[in-house]
Amino acid sequence: MAASPSTARAINDRLALRLLQDTGPLTATQLKTLTGLSRPTVADLVDRLSESGLVHVVGESGAERRGPNAKLYGIVADRAHLAALDVRTRSVSVTVSDLLGTTLAEASAPVGDGGGTGPAVEKAVTLLERTAKEAGADRLHTVAVGAPGLIDPDSGELRDSTGLPAWHRRLVGVLQERLPAHVLVENETNLAAVAELREGAARDREDFVLLWLGQGVGAAVVLDGRLRRGASGGAGEIGFLPVPGTSGLPSGTGCDGGFHELVCAAAVSALAAAHGLDPAGALTSGHGPFLDALARRLAVGAAAVAAVLDPGCVVLAGETGHQGGAELAARVQSALSGLSPLRTEVRPTALGDAAVLRGALLRARDAAQDALFP
């Protein structure tokens, strides 16, 4: 069935906007070439998008032909302002950007070191408001929050967890009350995977699993270029995976005894100390025996992932993955090859500590474009 004229116009407009978003300013002739649309159709969509305030003339290009210069059209960057928050156990980082994703202001602050839930929430919200003011963003359109914990797939809310500070769950509700903006929340590991998929270590992959290795341990699953959440939003809760070498078995209320016990930040520090190393610099010391021991632990979890999903690629992220870098990734891949017949490449994060915040900004930009683009 052929699309109706209005549907066809909406599809063409969105295609043009995506091209302008991804490639930057274009002339009408370039839009015609890239979209395959006729010249009159492109002229009509440029007029519609200009009248809607989404596109404007940003310059001229005279390189295509002789005669008058051609107008260059680009997205109106300040049509919407966006914010991204990376919420950790004891800190918050904030970035404010325009619709093109250009960073306008950013800030970080410790949060939650005593004082109760209310003051912690107020400190986080105030940090966002102050950063938005610094960016010249009088009104935020979309705010994306990255936080540890499970996200309910039906409500989109951060689920209650005994391992998370109470202010984490309160923060989103207060942001919705205080700001005239669309506020959404996503698991931090999932956001890191989105950022690595689109801008980082997995840009050339349709299938991969990101292992988040920090104070907590988790994973994000990307198959066919799409983030997979699972029936309850818990796909990738690899910290609960029963593995050998732990004190027992994990439970429904705690991951002690699971993969978490082997590779969380505390376990990595203890392993470094057992090798006579200062935990603060062990991952960058190049100490072979320590890195090999850690790689063997990480390979156990990676082998389980490979056996179930066969993603072909595992990205090591979080504090441990970032600090261990390419050397740790290579050792994990070597250890993994001895545990699994499936060829699995192991890569270090390309975005490091910025992955969650970048993923949150991409999520906010996508949501804003869905709302603004016809």
Protein backbone atom coordinates (compact mmCIF):
# COMPACT_ATOMS: atom_id res chain seq x y z
CA MET A 1 0.00 0.00 0.00
CA ALA A 2 1.39 3.39 -1.01
CA ALA A 3 1.95 5.93 1.73
CA SER A 4 -0.46 8.84 1.93
CA PRO A 5 0.87 12.25 0.86
CA SER A 6 1.12 13.42 4.46
CA THR A 7 2.97 10.26 5.52
CA ALA A 8 5.33 10.55 2.56
CA ARG A 9 6.08 14.17 3.47
CA ALA A 10 6.81 13.18 7.09
CA ILE A 11 9.15 10.39 5.97
CA ASN A 12 10.99 12.71 3.56
CA ASP A 13 11.30 15.46 6.15
CA ARG A 14 12.71 13.10 8.77
CA LEU A 15 15.19 11.66 6.25
CA ALA A 16 16.41 15.15 5.37
CA LEU A 17 16.72 16.14 9.02
CA ARG A 18 18.70 13.01 9.84
CA LEU A 19 21.08 13.74 6.99
CA LEU A 20 21.56 17.30 8.20
CA GLN A 21 22.10 15.98 11.72
CA ASP A 22 24.69 13.40 10.67
CA THR A 23 26.57 15.23 7.90
CA GLY A 24 26.13 18.90 8.71
CA PRO A 25 24.90 21.72 6.45
CA LEU A 26 23.88 20.72 2.91
CA THR A 27 22.64 22.46 -0.20
CA ALA A 28 19.31 21.57 -1.80
CA THR A 29 21.23 19.83 -4.58
CA GLN A 30 23.17 17.74 -2.06
CA LEU A 31 19.93 16.83 -0.30
CA LYS A 32 18.47 15.79 -3.65
CA THR A 33 21.47 13.55 -4.36
CA LEU A 34 21.54 11.95 -0.90
CA THR A 35 17.79 11.39 -0.60
CA GLY A 36 17.05 10.48 -4.21
CA LEU A 37 14.06 12.82 -4.15
CA SER A 38 13.08 15.14 -6.98
CA ARG A 39 14.14 18.77 -6.99
CA PRO A 40 10.57 20.08 -6.40
CA THR A 41 10.09 17.65 -3.50
CA VAL A 42 13.33 18.79 -1.89
CA ALA A 43 12.37 22.44 -2.38
CA ASP A 44 9.03 21.81 -0.68
CA LEU A 45 10.56 20.01 2.30
CA VAL A 46 13.19 22.72 2.78
CA ASP A 47 10.41 25.32 2.85
CA ARG A 48 8.39 23.28 5.37
CA LEU A 49 11.34 22.70 7.66
CA SER A 50 12.37 26.35 7.47
CA GLU A 51 8.86 27.53 8.32
CA SER A 52 8.75 25.11 11.28
CA GLY A 53 11.94 26.63 12.73
CA LEU A 54 13.97 23.43 12.44
CA VAL A 55 16.18 24.42 9.50
CA HIS A 56 17.74 27.71 8.44
CA VAL A 57 20.32 29.04 6.00
CA VAL A 58 23.77 28.85 7.58
CA GLY A 59 25.90 29.96 4.64
CA GLU A 60 26.58 29.54 0.94
CA SER A 61 28.47 27.11 -1.22
CA GLY A 62 29.79 28.00 -4.67
CA ALA A 63 31.84 24.89 -5.35
CA GLU A 64 29.19 22.90 -7.17
CA ARG A 65 28.61 24.96 -10.27
CA ARG A 66 29.11 28.30 -11.94
CA GLY A 67 26.71 31.08 -11.23
CA PRO A 68 25.09 32.16 -7.97
CA ASN A 69 26.23 30.48 -4.79
CA ALA A 70 23.92 27.76 -3.43
CA LYS A 71 22.41 28.19 0.03
CA LEU A 72 23.59 25.85 2.75
CA TYR A 73 20.86 24.59 5.07
CA GLY A 74 21.49 23.38 8.59
CA ILE A 75 19.53 22.40 11.68
CA VAL A 76 18.70 25.24 14.08
CA ALA A 77 20.94 24.14 16.93
CA ASP A 78 19.27 26.21 19.65
CA ARG A 79 15.80 24.97 18.71
CA ALA A 80 16.12 22.77 21.81
CA HIS A 81 18.53 22.46 24.71
CA LEU A 82 19.32 19.07 26.20
CA ALA A 83 20.90 17.82 29.41
CA ALA A 84 22.55 14.56 30.39
CA LEU A 85 23.30 13.37 33.91
CA ASP A 86 25.65 10.59 34.98
CA VAL A 87 24.51 9.64 38.49
CA ARG A 88 27.03 7.64 40.51
CA THR A 89 26.81 6.45 44.10
CA ARG A 90 28.47 9.57 45.47
CA SER A 91 28.61 12.03 42.60
CA VAL A 92 26.77 13.57 39.65
CA SER A 93 28.15 14.82 36.33
CA VAL A 94 26.11 17.08 34.04
CA THR A 95 26.40 18.13 30.40
CA VAL A 96 24.13 20.64 28.64
CA SER A 97 24.10 20.73 24.84
CA ASP A 98 22.17 22.09 21.87
CA LEU A 99 20.13 19.99 19.43
CA LEU A 100 23.26 19.15 17.44
CA GLY A 101 24.91 17.69 20.52
CA THR A 102 27.46 20.47 20.91
CA THR A 103 28.48 20.79 24.56
CA LEU A 104 27.62 24.20 25.97
CA ALA A 105 28.48 23.66 29.63
CA GLU A 106 29.41 20.82 31.96
CA ALA A 107 30.02 20.29 35.65
CA SER A 108 30.52 17.61 38.32
CA ALA A 109 30.03 17.54 42.07
CA PRO A 110 30.14 15.07 44.96
CA VAL A 111 26.63 14.16 46.10
CA GLY A 112 25.30 11.91 48.82
CA ASP A 113 28.15 11.94 51.33
CA GLY A 114 25.83 12.27 54.30
CA GLY A 115 23.09 14.77 54.96
CA GLY A 116 20.14 12.63 53.92
CA THR A 117 18.11 12.03 50.79
CA GLY A 118 16.55 15.49 50.47
CA PRO A 119 19.80 17.49 50.52
CA ALA A 120 21.43 15.05 48.10
CA VAL A 121 18.59 15.42 45.60
CA GLU A 122 18.61 19.21 46.00
CA LYS A 123 22.34 19.36 45.38
CA ALA A 124 22.01 17.33 42.17
CA VAL A 125 19.08 19.38 40.85
CA THR A 126 20.83 22.65 41.70
CA LEU A 127 23.92 21.50 39.83
CA LEU A 128 21.82 20.87 36.73
CA GLU A 129 20.00 24.20 37.00
CA ARG A 130 23.25 26.12 37.47
CA THR A 131 24.90 24.35 34.53
CA ALA A 132 21.89 25.03 32.28
CA LYS A 133 22.01 28.72 33.22
CA GLU A 134 25.73 28.82 32.42
CA ALA A 135 24.96 27.28 29.01
CA GLY A 136 22.35 29.95 28.29
CA ALA A 137 19.60 27.34 28.24
CA ASP A 138 16.58 29.11 29.71
CA ARG A 139 14.41 26.06 29.07
CA LEU A 140 15.56 22.46 28.75
CA HIS A 141 13.64 20.32 26.29
CA THR A 142 14.84 16.83 27.30
CA VAL A 143 16.89 15.52 30.23
CA ALA A 144 18.36 12.01 30.23
CA VAL A 145 19.62 10.46 33.46
CA GLY A 146 22.03 7.54 33.55
CA ALA A 147 22.00 5.61 36.83
CA PRO A 148 22.94 2.18 38.16
CA GLY A 149 20.07 -0.22 38.73
CA LEU A 150 17.26 -1.85 36.80
CA ILE A 151 14.86 0.17 34.67
CA ASP A 152 11.27 -1.10 34.59
CA PRO A 153 10.52 -1.81 30.89
CA ASP A 154 6.85 -0.84 31.30
CA SER A 155 7.08 2.35 33.34
CA GLY A 156 10.61 3.40 32.38
CA GLU A 157 11.32 4.09 36.06
CA LEU A 158 14.34 3.15 38.15
CA ARG A 159 13.34 0.10 40.19
CA ASP A 160 13.84 -0.09 43.93
CA SER A 161 17.10 -1.72 44.94
CA THR A 162 18.66 -2.23 48.35
CA GLY A 163 22.10 -1.58 46.89
CA LEU A 164 21.35 1.94 45.63
CA PRO A 165 21.08 5.21 47.56
CA ALA A 166 17.52 6.40 48.10
CA TRP A 167 18.30 9.76 46.49
CA HIS A 168 18.81 8.03 43.12
CA ARG A 169 15.15 7.03 42.96
CA ARG A 170 13.94 10.41 44.22
CA LEU A 171 16.00 12.43 41.76
CA VAL A 172 14.01 11.74 38.59
CA GLY A 173 10.70 12.63 40.24
CA VAL A 174 12.06 15.92 41.55
CA LEU A 175 13.52 16.78 38.15
CA GLN A 176 10.11 16.19 36.58
CA GLU A 177 8.50 18.47 39.15
CA ARG A 178 11.05 21.28 38.91
CA LEU A 179 11.79 21.38 35.18
CA PRO A 180 9.45 22.03 32.23
CA ALA A 181 11.26 19.25 30.39
CA HIS A 182 10.81 15.64 29.37
CA VAL A 183 12.88 13.59 31.86
CA LEU A 184 13.89 10.00 31.19
CA VAL A 185 16.15 7.54 32.99
CA GLU A 186 18.27 4.68 31.68
CA ASN A 187 20.67 2.14 33.13
CA GLU A 188 24.24 3.45 33.03
CA THR A 189 25.66 0.31 31.40
CA ASN A 190 23.06 0.45 28.64
CA LEU A 191 23.94 4.09 27.97
CA ALA A 192 27.64 3.27 27.81
CA ALA A 193 26.85 0.57 25.24
CA VAL A 194 24.81 3.02 23.13
CA ALA A 195 27.73 5.46 23.13
CA GLU A 196 30.27 2.76 22.22
CA LEU A 197 27.96 1.52 19.43
CA ARG A 198 27.49 4.91 17.83
CA GLU A 199 30.75 6.70 18.59
CA GLY A 200 33.19 4.35 20.28
CA ALA A 201 34.75 0.91 20.29
CA ALA A 202 31.81 -0.90 18.64
CA ARG A 203 31.06 1.47 15.76
CA ASP A 204 31.73 -1.32 13.26
CA ARG A 205 29.68 -3.96 15.11
CA GLU A 206 26.02 -4.93 14.96
CA ASP A 207 26.42 -7.47 17.79
CA PHE A 208 28.46 -7.04 20.96
CA VAL A 209 28.28 -7.19 24.75
CA LEU A 210 29.68 -4.44 26.94
CA LEU A 211 30.99 -5.50 30.34
CA TRP A 212 30.77 -2.70 32.91
CA LEU A 213 33.54 -3.21 35.47
CA GLY A 214 33.59 -0.82 38.37
CA GLN A 215 32.21 -0.62 41.88
CA GLY A 216 29.34 -2.63 40.42
CA VAL A 217 29.45 -5.18 37.62
CA GLY A 218 26.98 -5.41 34.76
CA ALA A 219 26.61 -5.95 31.05
CA ALA A 220 24.69 -4.49 28.13
CA VAL A 221 23.58 -6.63 25.21
CA VAL A 222 23.42 -5.22 21.66
CA LEU A 223 22.14 -7.53 18.92
CA ASP A 224 21.38 -6.49 15.33
CA GLY A 225 22.35 -2.96 16.30
CA ARG A 226 19.66 -2.77 18.98
CA LEU A 227 19.95 -2.63 22.75
CA ARG A 228 18.24 -5.68 24.28
CA ARG A 229 16.68 -5.18 27.72
CA GLY A 230 15.04 -8.52 28.48
CA ALA A 231 11.54 -9.26 29.76
CA SER A 232 12.06 -7.48 33.09
CA GLY A 233 14.74 -5.02 32.05
CA GLY A 234 17.43 -7.19 33.58
CA ALA A 235 19.31 -8.45 30.53
CA GLY A 236 23.00 -8.17 31.37
CA GLU A 237 22.82 -8.51 35.15
CA ILE A 238 25.98 -10.57 34.92
CA GLY A 239 27.06 -9.74 38.46
CA PHE A 240 24.58 -12.40 39.60
CA LEU A 241 26.08 -15.08 37.34
CA PRO A 242 27.16 -18.10 39.44
CA VAL A 243 30.83 -18.80 38.75
CA PRO A 244 33.58 -20.94 40.28
CA GLY A 245 36.07 -19.39 42.67
CA THR A 246 33.58 -17.46 44.80
CA SER A 247 32.36 -17.82 48.37
CA GLY A 248 29.07 -19.46 47.42
CA LEU A 249 26.07 -18.67 45.28
CA PRO A 250 24.33 -15.34 44.64
CA SER A 251 20.76 -14.77 45.80
CA GLY A 252 17.73 -12.78 44.77
CA THR A 253 18.82 -9.97 47.09
CA GLY A 254 22.58 -9.88 46.56
CA CYS A 255 25.28 -10.82 44.07
CA ASP A 256 27.83 -12.00 46.65
CA GLY A 257 28.98 -15.34 45.31
CA GLY A 258 28.38 -14.27 41.71
CA PHE A 259 30.69 -12.90 39.01
CA HIS A 260 30.54 -9.56 40.86
CA GLU A 261 32.60 -11.07 43.68
CA LEU A 262 35.46 -11.87 41.30
CA VAL A 263 35.78 -8.63 39.33
CA CYS A 264 34.15 -5.70 41.17
CA ALA A 265 36.44 -2.79 42.12
CA ALA A 266 36.98 -4.15 45.62
CA ALA A 267 37.95 -7.57 44.25
CA VAL A 268 40.38 -6.02 41.76
CA SER A 269 41.99 -4.01 44.57
CA ALA A 270 42.31 -7.13 46.72
CA LEU A 271 43.86 -9.06 43.83
CA ALA A 272 46.37 -6.27 43.26
CA ALA A 273 47.33 -6.22 46.93
CA ALA A 274 47.80 -9.99 46.85
CA HIS A 275 50.36 -9.44 44.08
CA GLY A 276 52.17 -6.82 46.16
CA LEU A 277 50.86 -3.89 44.12
CA ASP A 278 49.34 -0.56 45.08
CA PRO A 279 45.67 -0.96 44.01
CA ALA A 280 45.56 2.68 42.90
CA GLY A 281 47.96 2.08 40.01
CA ALA A 282 47.89 -1.66 39.53
CA LEU A 283 45.96 -1.68 36.26
CA THR A 284 48.39 0.68 34.56
CA SER A 285 51.56 -0.80 36.06
CA GLY A 286 52.01 -3.41 33.33
CA HIS A 287 52.50 -6.11 36.00
CA GLY A 288 52.02 -9.30 33.97
CA PRO A 289 51.09 -11.83 36.69
CA PHE A 290 48.42 -9.53 38.14
CA LEU A 291 46.93 -8.71 34.73
CA ASP A 292 46.92 -12.39 33.77
CA ALA A 293 45.13 -13.33 36.99
CA LEU A 294 42.53 -10.63 36.46
CA ALA A 295 42.15 -11.60 32.80
CA ARG A 296 41.42 -15.20 33.77
CA ARG A 297 38.63 -13.98 36.07
CA LEU A 298 37.15 -11.74 33.42
CA ALA A 299 37.36 -14.51 30.84
CA VAL A 300 35.02 -16.65 32.95
CA GLY A 301 32.23 -14.10 32.57
CA ALA A 302 33.07 -13.42 28.93
CA ALA A 303 32.95 -17.16 28.19
CA ALA A 304 29.46 -17.39 29.68
CA VAL A 305 28.35 -14.47 27.52
CA ALA A 306 29.88 -16.05 24.42
CA ALA A 307 28.27 -19.43 25.11
CA VAL A 308 24.77 -17.96 25.36
CA LEU A 309 24.85 -15.07 22.88
CA ASP A 310 27.88 -15.58 20.61
CA PRO A 311 28.17 -11.78 20.12
CA GLY A 312 31.58 -11.97 18.46
CA CYS A 313 32.79 -8.94 20.43
CA VAL A 314 33.08 -7.97 24.09
CA VAL A 315 33.91 -4.39 25.14
CA LEU A 316 35.53 -3.87 28.54
CA ALA A 317 34.23 -0.63 30.06
CA GLY A 318 33.90 0.99 33.44
CA GLU A 319 36.87 1.94 35.60
CA THR A 320 38.64 -1.40 35.23
CA GLY A 321 38.12 -1.66 31.49
CA HIS A 322 39.28 1.92 30.96
CA GLN A 323 42.40 1.69 33.10
CA GLY A 324 43.32 -1.79 31.87
CA GLY A 325 43.10 -0.61 28.28
CA ALA A 326 44.30 -2.59 25.30
CA GLU A 327 46.74 -4.68 27.33
CA LEU A 328 44.08 -6.09 29.63
CA ALA A 329 41.70 -6.63 26.71
CA ALA A 330 44.35 -8.64 24.84
CA ARG A 331 45.00 -10.83 27.88
CA VAL A 332 41.27 -11.43 28.38
CA GLN A 333 40.92 -12.43 24.73
CA SER A 334 43.83 -14.87 25.09
CA ALA A 335 42.33 -16.41 28.24
CA LEU A 336 38.90 -16.55 26.63
CA SER A 337 40.22 -18.47 23.64
CA GLY A 338 41.14 -21.28 26.02
CA LEU A 339 37.64 -21.42 27.52
CA SER A 340 35.44 -21.16 24.44
CA PRO A 341 35.51 -22.48 20.86
CA LEU A 342 33.69 -19.33 19.72
CA ARG A 343 35.81 -16.57 18.22
CA THR A 344 35.23 -13.50 20.36
CA GLU A 345 37.17 -10.28 20.02
CA VAL A 346 37.77 -8.36 23.23
CA ARG A 347 38.18 -4.59 22.96
CA PRO A 348 38.79 -1.82 25.51
CA THR A 349 36.38 1.07 25.81
CA ALA A 350 37.13 3.94 23.43
CA LEU A 351 35.18 6.51 25.45
CA GLY A 352 36.38 5.74 28.96
CA ASP A 353 34.78 7.64 31.83
CA ALA A 354 32.75 9.76 29.38
CA ALA A 355 30.77 6.80 28.00
CA VAL A 356 27.72 7.05 30.28
CA LEU A 357 27.37 10.81 29.96
CA ARG A 358 27.81 10.62 26.19
CA GLY A 359 25.24 7.84 25.97
CA ALA A 360 22.78 9.88 28.03
CA LEU A 361 23.26 12.87 25.74
CA LEU A 362 22.64 10.71 22.66
CA ARG A 363 19.49 9.34 24.32
CA ALA A 364 18.28 12.87 25.08
CA ARG A 365 19.00 14.02 21.54
CA ASP A 366 17.12 11.07 20.03
CA ALA A 367 14.10 11.74 22.24
CA ALA A 368 14.12 15.46 21.41
CA GLN A 369 14.38 14.79 17.70
CA ASP A 370 11.51 12.31 17.86
CA ALA A 371 9.40 15.00 19.50
CA LEU A 372 10.48 17.89 17.29
CA PHE A 373 11.02 16.31 13.90
CA PRO A 374 7.73 15.80 12.04
